[in-house]
Each structure stands twice: as structure tokens, then as C-alpha cells.
Amino acid sequence: MAPEAAAATTRSLRKGSLVKVKRQAYLASVELAASDADPPTYIFEGPGQILLLRGDAANVRWSLPVPDVWLPLTLLEAFRA
């Protein structure tokens, strides 16, 4: 994805947006090194809801009984049902 397209995508995400994690971007990110080597599938299937935005990161809540997580906006994409 071109940088302009990525910037437009992240700008379209706002508080309350339904999102999922981009699998290829996450698997190539430094966040994977700080997490479980086998990420849960629900983050890639979505939807999660953005609760807060701070800088270039979003606090995401999943519709499962799991903790909310902070993720860079570059790893998120809009969820389409």
C-alpha cells in the first residue's frame, strides 16, 4: 500500500470505528516480538471497536472477555461485515 493510501486509511478511523488487525502488517511488526508468537485469530477477524485515539495509536476493545489493547493505527483497517 502506498504511503498516501495508508495515511488516508488511518485518517478514516476514529473513535467508535469497527476495526480488525491487518495480518501481514502485524506479522511483520515489532509488536509481534513483544507479544505471543501465535496471535489470537479474533484480532484478524474483528470486529474490535476503537475506544480512544492518542497520536498514532488506538485503544481497541474486542467483543470477547479479553483486555483492551493499544495498537498503532498502521496495523488497523476498517471492519466490513
PDB file of N, CA and C in Angstrom:
ATOM      1  N   MET A   1       0.846  -1.173   0.000  1.00  0.00           N
ATOM      2  CA  MET A   1       0.000   0.000   0.000  1.00  0.00           C
ATOM      3  C   MET A   1       0.891   1.234   0.000  1.00  0.00           C
ATOM      4  N   ALA A   2       0.551   2.190  -0.817  1.00  0.00           N
ATOM      5  CA  ALA A   2       1.322   3.429  -0.898  1.00  0.00           C
ATOM      6  C   ALA A   2       1.156   4.229   0.390  1.00  0.00           C
ATOM      7  N   PRO A   3       2.160   5.030   0.756  1.00  0.00           N
ATOM      8  CA  PRO A   3       2.053   5.822   1.990  1.00  0.00           C
ATOM      9  C   PRO A   3       0.833   6.737   2.017  1.00  0.00           C
ATOM     10  N   GLU A   4       0.466   7.294   0.859  1.00  0.00           N
ATOM     11  CA  GLU A   4      -0.696   8.177   0.819  1.00  0.00           C
ATOM     12  C   GLU A   4      -1.973   7.398   1.122  1.00  0.00           C
ATOM     13  N   ALA A   5      -2.080   6.193   0.572  1.00  0.00           N
ATOM     14  CA  ALA A   5      -3.265   5.371   0.810  1.00  0.00           C
ATOM     15  C   ALA A   5      -3.330   4.934   2.268  1.00  0.00           C
ATOM     16  N   ALA A   6      -2.182   4.589   2.852  1.00  0.00           N
ATOM     17  CA  ALA A   6      -2.147   4.196   4.265  1.00  0.00           C
ATOM     18  C   ALA A   6      -2.553   5.359   5.154  1.00  0.00           C
ATOM     19  N   ALA A   7      -2.089   6.556   4.832  1.00  0.00           N
ATOM     20  CA  ALA A   7      -2.440   7.738   5.618  1.00  0.00           C
ATOM     21  C   ALA A   7      -3.936   8.023   5.517  1.00  0.00           C
ATOM     22  N   ALA A   8      -4.506   7.869   4.334  1.00  0.00           N
ATOM     23  CA  ALA A   8      -5.936   8.103   4.159  1.00  0.00           C
ATOM     24  C   ALA A   8      -6.749   7.084   4.948  1.00  0.00           C
ATOM     25  N   THR A   9      -6.292   5.836   4.970  1.00  0.00           N
ATOM     26  CA  THR A   9      -6.992   4.795   5.710  1.00  0.00           C
ATOM     27  C   THR A   9      -6.973   5.082   7.196  1.00  0.00           C
ATOM     28  N   THR A  10      -5.812   5.451   7.733  1.00  0.00           N
ATOM     29  CA  THR A  10      -5.732   5.712   9.168  1.00  0.00           C
ATOM     30  C   THR A  10      -6.498   6.967   9.550  1.00  0.00           C
ATOM     31  N   ARG A  11      -6.591   7.939   8.650  1.00  0.00           N
ATOM     32  CA  ARG A  11      -7.379   9.140   8.943  1.00  0.00           C
ATOM     33  C   ARG A  11      -8.867   8.824   8.998  1.00  0.00           C
ATOM     34  N   SER A  12      -9.307   7.795   8.287  1.00  0.00           N
ATOM     35  CA  SER A  12     -10.725   7.460   8.278  1.00  0.00           C
ATOM     36  C   SER A  12     -11.146   6.729   9.552  1.00  0.00           C
ATOM     37  N   LEU A  13     -10.187   6.244  10.326  1.00  0.00           N
ATOM     38  CA  LEU A  13     -10.505   5.579  11.583  1.00  0.00           C
ATOM     39  C   LEU A  13     -10.667   6.624  12.677  1.00  0.00           C
ATOM     40  N   ARG A  14     -11.744   6.498  13.436  1.00  0.00           N
ATOM     41  CA  ARG A  14     -11.981   7.438  14.535  1.00  0.00           C
ATOM     42  C   ARG A  14     -12.662   6.693  15.677  1.00  0.00           C
ATOM     43  N   LYS A  15     -12.853   7.390  16.775  1.00  0.00           N
ATOM     44  CA  LYS A  15     -13.475   6.792  17.947  1.00  0.00           C
ATOM     45  C   LYS A  15     -14.815   6.171  17.562  1.00  0.00           C
ATOM     46  N   GLY A  16     -15.013   4.922  17.961  1.00  0.00           N
ATOM     47  CA  GLY A  16     -16.244   4.211  17.641  1.00  0.00           C
ATOM     48  C   GLY A  16     -16.164   3.366  16.385  1.00  0.00           C
ATOM     49  N   SER A  17     -15.111   3.533  15.580  1.00  0.00           N
ATOM     50  CA  SER A  17     -14.963   2.750  14.352  1.00  0.00           C
ATOM     51  C   SER A  17     -14.774   1.274  14.675  1.00  0.00           C
ATOM     52  N   LEU A  18     -15.349   0.418  13.845  1.00  0.00           N
ATOM     53  CA  LEU A  18     -15.125  -1.018  13.963  1.00  0.00           C
ATOM     54  C   LEU A  18     -13.919  -1.370  13.106  1.00  0.00           C
ATOM     55  N   VAL A  19     -12.991  -2.136  13.683  1.00  0.00           N
ATOM     56  CA  VAL A  19     -11.728  -2.422  13.016  1.00  0.00           C
ATOM     57  C   VAL A  19     -11.329  -3.883  13.179  1.00  0.00           C
ATOM     58  N   LYS A  20     -10.349  -4.265  12.393  1.00  0.00           N
ATOM     59  CA  LYS A  20      -9.646  -5.532  12.574  1.00  0.00           C
ATOM     60  C   LYS A  20      -8.179  -5.267  12.282  1.00  0.00           C
ATOM     61  N   VAL A  21      -7.325  -6.197  12.688  1.00  0.00           N
ATOM     62  CA  VAL A  21      -5.885  -6.040  12.512  1.00  0.00           C
ATOM     63  C   VAL A  21      -5.479  -6.602  11.153  1.00  0.00           C
ATOM     64  N   LYS A  22      -4.624  -5.884  10.443  1.00  0.00           N
ATOM     65  CA  LYS A  22      -4.076  -6.359   9.172  1.00  0.00           C
ATOM     66  C   LYS A  22      -3.061  -7.456   9.482  1.00  0.00           C
ATOM     67  N   ARG A  23      -3.335  -8.666   9.030  1.00  0.00           N
ATOM     68  CA  ARG A  23      -2.500  -9.824   9.372  1.00  0.00           C
ATOM     69  C   ARG A  23      -1.051  -9.649   8.924  1.00  0.00           C
ATOM     70  N   GLN A  24      -0.813  -9.320   7.669  1.00  0.00           N
ATOM     71  CA  GLN A  24       0.560  -9.222   7.160  1.00  0.00           C
ATOM     72  C   GLN A  24       1.328  -8.099   7.847  1.00  0.00           C
ATOM     73  N   ALA A  25       0.670  -6.982   8.079  1.00  0.00           N
ATOM     74  CA  ALA A  25       1.336  -5.865   8.752  1.00  0.00           C
ATOM     75  C   ALA A  25       1.699  -6.245  10.180  1.00  0.00           C
ATOM     76  N   TYR A  26       0.801  -6.936  10.881  1.00  0.00           N
ATOM     77  CA  TYR A  26       1.063  -7.327  12.268  1.00  0.00           C
ATOM     78  C   TYR A  26       2.198  -8.338  12.351  1.00  0.00           C
ATOM     79  N   LEU A  27       2.195  -9.321  11.462  1.00  0.00           N
ATOM     80  CA  LEU A  27       3.222 -10.364  11.500  1.00  0.00           C
ATOM     81  C   LEU A  27       4.602  -9.820  11.160  1.00  0.00           C
ATOM     82  N   ALA A  28       4.669  -8.677  10.487  1.00  0.00           N
ATOM     83  CA  ALA A  28       5.954  -8.060  10.148  1.00  0.00           C
ATOM     84  C   ALA A  28       6.326  -6.936  11.113  1.00  0.00           C
ATOM     85  N   SER A  29       5.537  -6.729  12.165  1.00  0.00           N
ATOM     86  CA  SER A  29       5.752  -5.584  13.055  1.00  0.00           C
ATOM     87  C   SER A  29       6.562  -5.947  14.293  1.00  0.00           C
ATOM     88  N   VAL A  30       7.068  -4.918  14.960  1.00  0.00           N
ATOM     89  CA  VAL A  30       7.794  -5.127  16.216  1.00  0.00           C
ATOM     90  C   VAL A  30       6.839  -5.500  17.344  1.00  0.00           C
ATOM     91  N   GLU A  31       5.549  -5.207  17.201  1.00  0.00           N
ATOM     92  CA  GLU A  31       4.577  -5.562  18.227  1.00  0.00           C
ATOM     93  C   GLU A  31       4.505  -7.076  18.407  1.00  0.00           C
ATOM     94  N   LEU A  32       4.725  -7.828  17.339  1.00  0.00           N
ATOM     95  CA  LEU A  32       4.698  -9.283  17.434  1.00  0.00           C
ATOM     96  C   LEU A  32       5.819  -9.789  18.328  1.00  0.00           C
ATOM     97  N   ALA A  33       6.979  -9.152  18.269  1.00  0.00           N
ATOM     98  CA  ALA A  33       8.107  -9.575  19.099  1.00  0.00           C
ATOM     99  C   ALA A  33       7.810  -9.376  20.582  1.00  0.00           C
ATOM    100  N   ALA A  34       6.945  -8.429  20.914  1.00  0.00           N
ATOM    101  CA  ALA A  34       6.612  -8.152  22.312  1.00  0.00           C
ATOM    102  C   ALA A  34       5.372  -8.917  22.770  1.00  0.00           C
ATOM    103  N   SER A  35       4.824  -9.745  21.904  1.00  0.00           N
ATOM    104  CA  SER A  35       3.585 -10.452  22.214  1.00  0.00           C
ATOM    105  C   SER A  35       3.773 -11.950  22.032  1.00  0.00           C
ATOM    106  N   ASP A  36       2.686 -12.659  22.199  1.00  0.00           N
ATOM    107  CA  ASP A  36       2.671 -14.098  21.977  1.00  0.00           C
ATOM    108  C   ASP A  36       3.008 -14.369  20.513  1.00  0.00           C
ATOM    109  N   ALA A  37       3.848 -15.366  20.272  1.00  0.00           N
ATOM    110  CA  ALA A  37       4.255 -15.683  18.896  1.00  0.00           C
ATOM    111  C   ALA A  37       3.081 -16.175  18.052  1.00  0.00           C
ATOM    112  N   ASP A  38       2.038 -16.658  18.687  1.00  0.00           N
ATOM    113  CA  ASP A  38       0.853 -17.142  17.985  1.00  0.00           C
ATOM    114  C   ASP A  38      -0.323 -16.224  18.343  1.00  0.00           C
ATOM    115  N   PRO A  39      -0.524 -15.145  17.576  1.00  0.00           N
ATOM    116  CA  PRO A  39      -1.578 -14.185  17.934  1.00  0.00           C
ATOM    117  C   PRO A  39      -2.969 -14.810  17.812  1.00  0.00           C
ATOM    118  N   PRO A  40      -3.915 -14.350  18.619  1.00  0.00           N
ATOM    119  CA  PRO A  40      -5.275 -14.895  18.552  1.00  0.00           C
ATOM    120  C   PRO A  40      -5.956 -14.510  17.241  1.00  0.00           C
ATOM    121  N   THR A  41      -6.748 -15.409  16.715  1.00  0.00           N
ATOM    122  CA  THR A  41      -7.386 -15.175  15.419  1.00  0.00           C
ATOM    123  C   THR A  41      -8.435 -14.068  15.464  1.00  0.00           C
ATOM    124  N   TYR A  42      -9.037 -13.835  16.632  1.00  0.00           N
ATOM    125  CA  TYR A  42     -10.108 -12.836  16.687  1.00  0.00           C
ATOM    126  C   TYR A  42      -9.621 -11.436  16.327  1.00  0.00           C
ATOM    127  N   ILE A  43      -8.337 -11.127  16.510  1.00  0.00           N
ATOM    128  CA  ILE A  43      -7.866  -9.780  16.167  1.00  0.00           C
ATOM    129  C   ILE A  43      -7.843  -9.571  14.655  1.00  0.00           C
ATOM    130  N   PHE A  44      -7.696 -10.659  13.897  1.00  0.00           N
ATOM    131  CA  PHE A  44      -7.673 -10.563  12.435  1.00  0.00           C
ATOM    132  C   PHE A  44      -9.071 -10.661  11.834  1.00  0.00           C
ATOM    133  N   GLU A  45      -9.994 -11.287  12.553  1.00  0.00           N
ATOM    134  CA  GLU A  45     -11.352 -11.458  12.053  1.00  0.00           C
ATOM    135  C   GLU A  45     -12.248 -10.280  12.417  1.00  0.00           C
ATOM    136  N   GLY A  46     -11.977  -9.644  13.579  1.00  0.00           N
ATOM    137  CA  GLY A  46     -12.740  -8.493  14.028  1.00  0.00           C
ATOM    138  C   GLY A  46     -14.158  -8.862  14.413  1.00  0.00           C
ATOM    139  N   PRO A  47     -14.986  -7.922  14.724  1.00  0.00           N
ATOM    140  CA  PRO A  47     -14.637  -6.517  14.836  1.00  0.00           C
ATOM    141  C   PRO A  47     -14.199  -6.145  16.252  1.00  0.00           C
ATOM    142  N   GLY A  48     -13.311  -5.210  16.291  1.00  0.00           N
ATOM    143  CA  GLY A  48     -12.962  -4.541  17.532  1.00  0.00           C
ATOM    144  C   GLY A  48     -13.441  -3.106  17.396  1.00  0.00           C
ATOM    145  N   GLN A  49     -13.653  -2.437  18.499  1.00  0.00           N
ATOM    146  CA  GLN A  49     -14.122  -1.047  18.456  1.00  0.00           C
ATOM    147  C   GLN A  49     -13.063  -0.130  19.045  1.00  0.00           C
ATOM    148  N   ILE A  50     -12.784   0.960  18.338  1.00  0.00           N
ATOM    149  CA  ILE A  50     -11.823   1.945  18.835  1.00  0.00           C
ATOM    150  C   ILE A  50     -12.476   2.739  19.962  1.00  0.00           C
ATOM    151  N   LEU A  51     -11.833   2.685  21.139  1.00  0.00           N
ATOM    152  CA  LEU A  51     -12.334   3.423  22.298  1.00  0.00           C
ATOM    153  C   LEU A  51     -11.685   4.786  22.426  1.00  0.00           C
ATOM    154  N   LEU A  52     -10.367   4.845  22.194  1.00  0.00           N
ATOM    155  CA  LEU A  52      -9.593   6.076  22.337  1.00  0.00           C
ATOM    156  C   LEU A  52      -8.569   6.171  21.231  1.00  0.00           C
ATOM    157  N   LEU A  53      -8.236   7.389  20.862  1.00  0.00           N
ATOM    158  CA  LEU A  53      -7.144   7.649  19.923  1.00  0.00           C
ATOM    159  C   LEU A  53      -6.151   8.574  20.601  1.00  0.00           C
ATOM    160  N   ARG A  54      -4.878   8.210  20.552  1.00  0.00           N
ATOM    161  CA  ARG A  54      -3.809   9.055  21.093  1.00  0.00           C
ATOM    162  C   ARG A  54      -2.664   9.026  20.099  1.00  0.00           C
ATOM    163  N   GLY A  55      -2.406  10.149  19.463  1.00  0.00           N
ATOM    164  CA  GLY A  55      -1.328  10.197  18.481  1.00  0.00           C
ATOM    165  C   GLY A  55      -1.604   9.233  17.347  1.00  0.00           C
ATOM    166  N   ASP A  56      -0.688   8.304  17.124  1.00  0.00           N
ATOM    167  CA  ASP A  56      -0.850   7.337  16.037  1.00  0.00           C
ATOM    168  C   ASP A  56      -1.233   5.958  16.560  1.00  0.00           C
ATOM    169  N   ALA A  57      -1.885   5.894  17.728  1.00  0.00           N
ATOM    170  CA  ALA A  57      -2.296   4.620  18.318  1.00  0.00           C
ATOM    171  C   ALA A  57      -3.769   4.666  18.709  1.00  0.00           C
ATOM    172  N   ALA A  58      -4.373   3.474  18.747  1.00  0.00           N
ATOM    173  CA  ALA A  58      -5.778   3.357  19.121  1.00  0.00           C
ATOM    174  C   ALA A  58      -5.929   2.306  20.208  1.00  0.00           C
ATOM    175  N   ASN A  59      -6.830   2.567  21.140  1.00  0.00           N
ATOM    176  CA  ASN A  59      -7.185   1.598  22.162  1.00  0.00           C
ATOM    177  C   ASN A  59      -8.386   0.841  21.625  1.00  0.00           C
ATOM    178  N   VAL A  60      -8.238  -0.477  21.473  1.00  0.00           N
ATOM    179  CA  VAL A  60      -9.266  -1.293  20.831  1.00  0.00           C
ATOM    180  C   VAL A  60      -9.870  -2.257  21.846  1.00  0.00           C
ATOM    181  N   ARG A  61     -11.200  -2.336  21.846  1.00  0.00           N
ATOM    182  CA  ARG A  61     -11.928  -3.301  22.674  1.00  0.00           C
ATOM    183  C   ARG A  61     -12.562  -4.335  21.750  1.00  0.00           C
ATOM    184  N   TRP A  62     -12.352  -5.601  22.089  1.00  0.00           N
ATOM    185  CA  TRP A  62     -12.920  -6.709  21.321  1.00  0.00           C
ATOM    186  C   TRP A  62     -14.230  -7.142  21.955  1.00  0.00           C
ATOM    187  N   SER A  63     -15.071  -7.814  21.190  1.00  0.00           N
ATOM    188  CA  SER A  63     -16.373  -8.259  21.703  1.00  0.00           C
ATOM    189  C   SER A  63     -16.247  -9.605  22.415  1.00  0.00           C
ATOM    190  N   LEU A  64     -15.116  -9.811  23.055  1.00  0.00           N
ATOM    191  CA  LEU A  64     -14.837 -11.009  23.843  1.00  0.00           C
ATOM    192  C   LEU A  64     -14.336 -10.562  25.214  1.00  0.00           C
ATOM    193  N   PRO A  65     -14.385 -11.428  26.205  1.00  0.00           N
ATOM    194  CA  PRO A  65     -13.882 -11.040  27.530  1.00  0.00           C
ATOM    195  C   PRO A  65     -12.352 -11.082  27.592  1.00  0.00           C
ATOM    196  N   VAL A  66     -11.729 -10.150  26.894  1.00  0.00           N
ATOM    197  CA  VAL A  66     -10.267 -10.022  26.865  1.00  0.00           C
ATOM    198  C   VAL A  66      -9.912  -8.563  27.133  1.00  0.00           C
ATOM    199  N   PRO A  67      -8.685  -8.288  27.577  1.00  0.00           N
ATOM    200  CA  PRO A  67      -8.302  -6.893  27.851  1.00  0.00           C
ATOM    201  C   PRO A  67      -8.278  -6.037  26.582  1.00  0.00           C
ATOM    202  N   ASP A  68      -8.529  -4.748  26.768  1.00  0.00           N
ATOM    203  CA  ASP A  68      -8.376  -3.785  25.674  1.00  0.00           C
ATOM    204  C   ASP A  68      -6.890  -3.668  25.352  1.00  0.00           C
ATOM    205  N   VAL A  69      -6.565  -3.347  24.105  1.00  0.00           N
ATOM    206  CA  VAL A  69      -5.159  -3.242  23.697  1.00  0.00           C
ATOM    207  C   VAL A  69      -4.920  -1.935  22.950  1.00  0.00           C
ATOM    208  N   TRP A  70      -3.685  -1.434  23.052  1.00  0.00           N
ATOM    209  CA  TRP A  70      -3.243  -0.279  22.265  1.00  0.00           C
ATOM    210  C   TRP A  70      -2.493  -0.811  21.061  1.00  0.00           C
ATOM    211  N   LEU A  71      -2.887  -0.371  19.874  1.00  0.00           N
ATOM    212  CA  LEU A  71      -2.231  -0.781  18.634  1.00  0.00           C
ATOM    213  C   LEU A  71      -1.985   0.446  17.764  1.00  0.00           C
ATOM    214  N   PRO A  72      -0.881   0.438  17.001  1.00  0.00           N
ATOM    215  CA  PRO A  72      -0.652   1.535  16.056  1.00  0.00           C
ATOM    216  C   PRO A  72      -1.748   1.544  14.986  1.00  0.00           C
ATOM    217  N   LEU A  73      -2.138   2.717  14.555  1.00  0.00           N
ATOM    218  CA  LEU A  73      -3.171   2.831  13.524  1.00  0.00           C
ATOM    219  C   LEU A  73      -2.753   2.164  12.218  1.00  0.00           C
ATOM    220  N   THR A  74      -1.455   2.076  11.971  1.00  0.00           N
ATOM    221  CA  THR A  74      -0.982   1.455  10.729  1.00  0.00           C
ATOM    222  C   THR A  74      -1.290  -0.036  10.678  1.00  0.00           C
ATOM    223  N   LEU A  75      -1.586  -0.653  11.820  1.00  0.00           N
ATOM    224  CA  LEU A  75      -1.912  -2.081  11.851  1.00  0.00           C
ATOM    225  C   LEU A  75      -3.407  -2.345  11.740  1.00  0.00           C
ATOM    226  N   LEU A  76      -4.212  -1.288  11.739  1.00  0.00           N
ATOM    227  CA  LEU A  76      -5.665  -1.444  11.747  1.00  0.00           C
ATOM    228  C   LEU A  76      -6.281  -1.089  10.403  1.00  0.00           C
ATOM    229  N   GLU A  77      -7.389  -1.771  10.112  1.00  0.00           N
ATOM    230  CA  GLU A  77      -8.182  -1.437   8.932  1.00  0.00           C
ATOM    231  C   GLU A  77      -9.652  -1.499   9.323  1.00  0.00           C
ATOM    232  N   ALA A  78     -10.471  -0.802   8.579  1.00  0.00           N
ATOM    233  CA  ALA A  78     -11.905  -0.780   8.865  1.00  0.00           C
ATOM    234  C   ALA A  78     -12.489  -2.171   8.685  1.00  0.00           C
ATOM    235  N   PHE A  79     -13.386  -2.545   9.578  1.00  0.00           N
ATOM    236  CA  PHE A  79     -14.074  -3.836   9.502  1.00  0.00           C
ATOM    237  C   PHE A  79     -15.271  -3.693   8.586  1.00  0.00           C
ATOM    238  N   ARG A  80     -15.389  -4.616   7.664  1.00  0.00           N
ATOM    239  CA  ARG A  80     -16.528  -4.632   6.755  1.00  0.00           C
ATOM    240  C   ARG A  80     -17.244  -5.964   6.929  1.00  0.00           C
ATOM    241  N   ALA A  81     -18.507  -5.897   7.327  1.00  0.00           N
ATOM    242  CA  ALA A  81     -19.281  -7.114   7.610  1.00  0.00           C
ATOM    243  C   ALA A  81     -19.647  -7.858   6.353  1.00  0.00           C
TER     244      ALA A  81
END
